Amino acid sequence: MEAATQKQYVEFGVDNEHYAIPISDVHEIIRMQEITDIPNGHYYVKGIINLRGKIVPVLSLRVLLDMAEIAETKHTRILVVHHLEESIGVIVDNVNKVTTFNDIQPAPDSVSGISGSFFTGIGFSSSGLVGILKLDEILLRE
């Protein structure tokens, strides 16, 4: 996969798992900040933030991946991603690095109990196996 070696990814952690998304999907990475609750939102929507005058909804990746929520730490970050012409904040436990993968294998039917349809593939890095997430599949999940 020649093209895979050229593409950069943001690698991050949720629980004890390593995930990545293409850096082209990431607008910015910010520290946790106060999130304003919104009434009658989906269970995975934590609320909204004001990011330099723009209102951005914030989602919990832990909840979207059916993981138990934990208290935020000094390493917790919000990945502000582009999705369907909008900015969306996604809470992750930590951001590890920007990386490339020399080898990306197809995702199996299930990865750590998560549907394989949520992944474009599995990359190999110094951190071990890294699930490369399909933002569309995860963010459009109901």
Protein backbone atom coordinates (compact mmCIF):
# COMPACT_ATOMS: atom_id res chain seq x y z
CA MET A 1 0.00 0.00 0.00
CA GLU A 2 2.26 2.76 -1.28
CA ALA A 3 -0.23 5.56 -0.64
CA ALA A 4 -0.64 4.52 3.00
CA THR A 5 3.01 5.35 3.73
CA GLN A 6 2.46 8.96 2.62
CA LYS A 7 -0.75 9.63 4.56
CA GLN A 8 -0.44 11.06 8.05
CA TYR A 9 -2.73 10.18 10.95
CA VAL A 10 -3.40 11.58 14.40
CA GLU A 11 -2.99 8.70 16.85
CA PHE A 12 -4.91 8.91 20.12
CA GLY A 13 -6.01 6.72 23.00
CA VAL A 14 -9.40 5.81 24.39
CA ASP A 15 -9.34 3.42 27.32
CA ASN A 16 -6.33 1.16 26.68
CA GLU A 17 -6.89 1.12 22.93
CA HIS A 18 -5.04 3.07 20.23
CA TYR A 19 -6.97 4.68 17.38
CA ALA A 20 -6.15 7.04 14.55
CA ILE A 21 -7.89 9.27 12.04
CA PRO A 22 -6.43 10.96 8.97
CA ILE A 23 -4.78 14.26 9.89
CA SER A 24 -6.71 15.83 6.99
CA ASP A 25 -9.93 15.30 9.02
CA VAL A 26 -8.55 17.09 12.10
CA HIS A 27 -9.01 20.86 12.29
CA GLU A 28 -7.26 21.22 15.65
CA ILE A 29 -6.59 19.57 18.99
CA ILE A 30 -7.57 21.49 22.12
CA ARG A 31 -7.43 20.92 25.86
CA MET A 32 -10.63 20.13 27.69
CA GLN A 33 -12.71 23.15 28.51
CA GLU A 34 -16.05 23.87 30.03
CA ILE A 35 -18.78 22.22 27.99
CA THR A 36 -22.28 23.70 28.08
CA ASP A 37 -25.01 21.08 28.35
CA ILE A 38 -27.77 21.11 25.78
CA PRO A 39 -31.21 19.78 26.69
CA ASN A 40 -32.68 16.77 24.91
CA GLY A 41 -29.44 15.92 23.10
CA HIS A 42 -28.35 12.46 22.04
CA TYR A 43 -26.82 10.38 24.84
CA TYR A 44 -23.34 10.70 23.33
CA VAL A 45 -23.46 14.51 22.96
CA LYS A 46 -21.73 16.09 25.95
CA GLY A 47 -22.80 19.61 24.96
CA ILE A 48 -21.34 22.55 23.07
CA ILE A 49 -18.27 24.78 23.31
CA ASN A 50 -17.55 28.25 21.98
CA LEU A 51 -14.41 27.92 19.88
CA ARG A 52 -13.31 31.44 18.94
CA GLY A 53 -16.89 32.57 18.33
CA LYS A 54 -18.06 29.38 16.63
CA ILE A 55 -20.41 26.97 18.41
CA VAL A 56 -19.07 23.40 18.19
CA PRO A 57 -20.97 20.31 19.42
CA VAL A 58 -18.83 17.96 21.52
CA LEU A 59 -19.27 14.17 21.53
CA SER A 60 -17.79 11.49 23.75
CA LEU A 61 -15.91 8.87 21.72
CA ARG A 62 -16.03 6.58 24.77
CA VAL A 63 -19.84 6.64 24.70
CA LEU A 64 -19.96 6.22 20.91
CA LEU A 65 -17.76 3.13 21.25
CA ASP A 66 -19.88 1.75 24.14
CA MET A 67 -17.14 2.24 26.74
CA ALA A 68 -17.64 3.37 30.33
CA GLU A 69 -17.09 7.05 30.92
CA ILE A 70 -14.28 8.21 33.19
CA ALA A 71 -13.37 11.53 34.78
CA GLU A 72 -11.29 13.77 32.57
CA THR A 73 -7.56 14.01 33.25
CA LYS A 74 -4.87 16.52 32.32
CA HIS A 75 -4.31 14.40 29.18
CA THR A 76 -7.94 14.49 27.98
CA ARG A 77 -8.29 16.34 24.68
CA ILE A 78 -10.95 17.42 22.22
CA LEU A 79 -10.22 16.60 18.58
CA VAL A 80 -12.04 19.17 16.47
CA VAL A 81 -12.79 17.35 13.23
CA HIS A 82 -14.44 18.28 9.96
CA HIS A 83 -17.53 16.23 9.24
CA LEU A 84 -20.19 17.01 6.64
CA GLU A 85 -19.07 20.65 6.34
CA GLU A 86 -19.27 21.12 10.13
CA SER A 87 -16.80 21.18 12.99
CA ILE A 88 -17.43 18.59 15.69
CA GLY A 89 -15.46 18.09 18.91
CA VAL A 90 -14.64 14.52 19.86
CA ILE A 91 -13.40 13.83 23.40
CA VAL A 92 -10.49 11.36 23.61
CA ASP A 93 -8.43 10.25 26.63
CA ASN A 94 -5.12 11.41 25.13
CA VAL A 95 -3.43 12.32 21.88
CA ASN A 96 -0.24 10.38 21.26
CA LYS A 97 1.33 11.65 18.06
CA VAL A 98 1.10 12.30 14.36
CA THR A 99 2.22 9.18 12.54
CA THR A 100 2.30 7.30 9.27
CA PHE A 101 1.76 3.58 8.83
CA ASN A 102 4.02 1.39 6.75
CA ASP A 103 1.46 -1.39 6.78
CA ILE A 104 -2.33 -1.15 6.98
CA GLN A 105 -4.35 -4.36 7.04
CA PRO A 106 -8.11 -4.69 6.51
CA ALA A 107 -10.14 -4.54 9.70
CA PRO A 108 -11.60 -7.81 11.02
CA ASP A 109 -15.35 -8.14 11.64
CA SER A 110 -14.85 -7.02 15.25
CA VAL A 111 -12.06 -5.16 17.03
CA SER A 112 -12.14 -5.26 20.86
CA GLY A 113 -15.90 -5.78 20.71
CA ILE A 114 -16.40 -2.86 18.29
CA SER A 115 -17.87 -3.46 14.85
CA GLY A 116 -15.26 -3.73 12.11
CA SER A 117 -17.40 -1.38 10.01
CA PHE A 118 -16.11 1.48 12.20
CA PHE A 119 -12.57 0.95 10.87
CA THR A 120 -10.89 1.57 7.53
CA GLY A 121 -8.11 -0.75 8.64
CA ILE A 122 -5.55 -1.63 11.29
CA GLY A 123 -2.17 0.08 11.23
CA PHE A 124 1.05 -1.06 12.82
CA SER A 125 3.10 1.52 14.76
CA SER A 126 5.56 1.72 17.64
CA SER A 127 2.47 1.80 19.91
CA GLY A 128 1.35 -1.57 18.56
CA LEU A 129 -1.87 -2.13 16.64
CA VAL A 130 -3.84 1.02 15.88
CA GLY A 131 -7.45 1.01 14.69
CA ILE A 132 -7.97 3.57 11.92
CA LEU A 133 -11.47 4.91 12.45
CA LYS A 134 -14.11 5.78 9.83
CA LEU A 135 -15.51 9.04 11.13
CA ASP A 136 -18.64 8.77 8.99
CA GLU A 137 -19.58 5.40 10.48
CA ILE A 138 -19.00 6.51 14.06
CA LEU A 139 -20.44 10.03 13.93
CA LEU A 140 -23.55 9.00 11.99
CA ARG A 141 -24.28 6.12 14.36
CA GLU A 142 -27.66 6.27 16.04
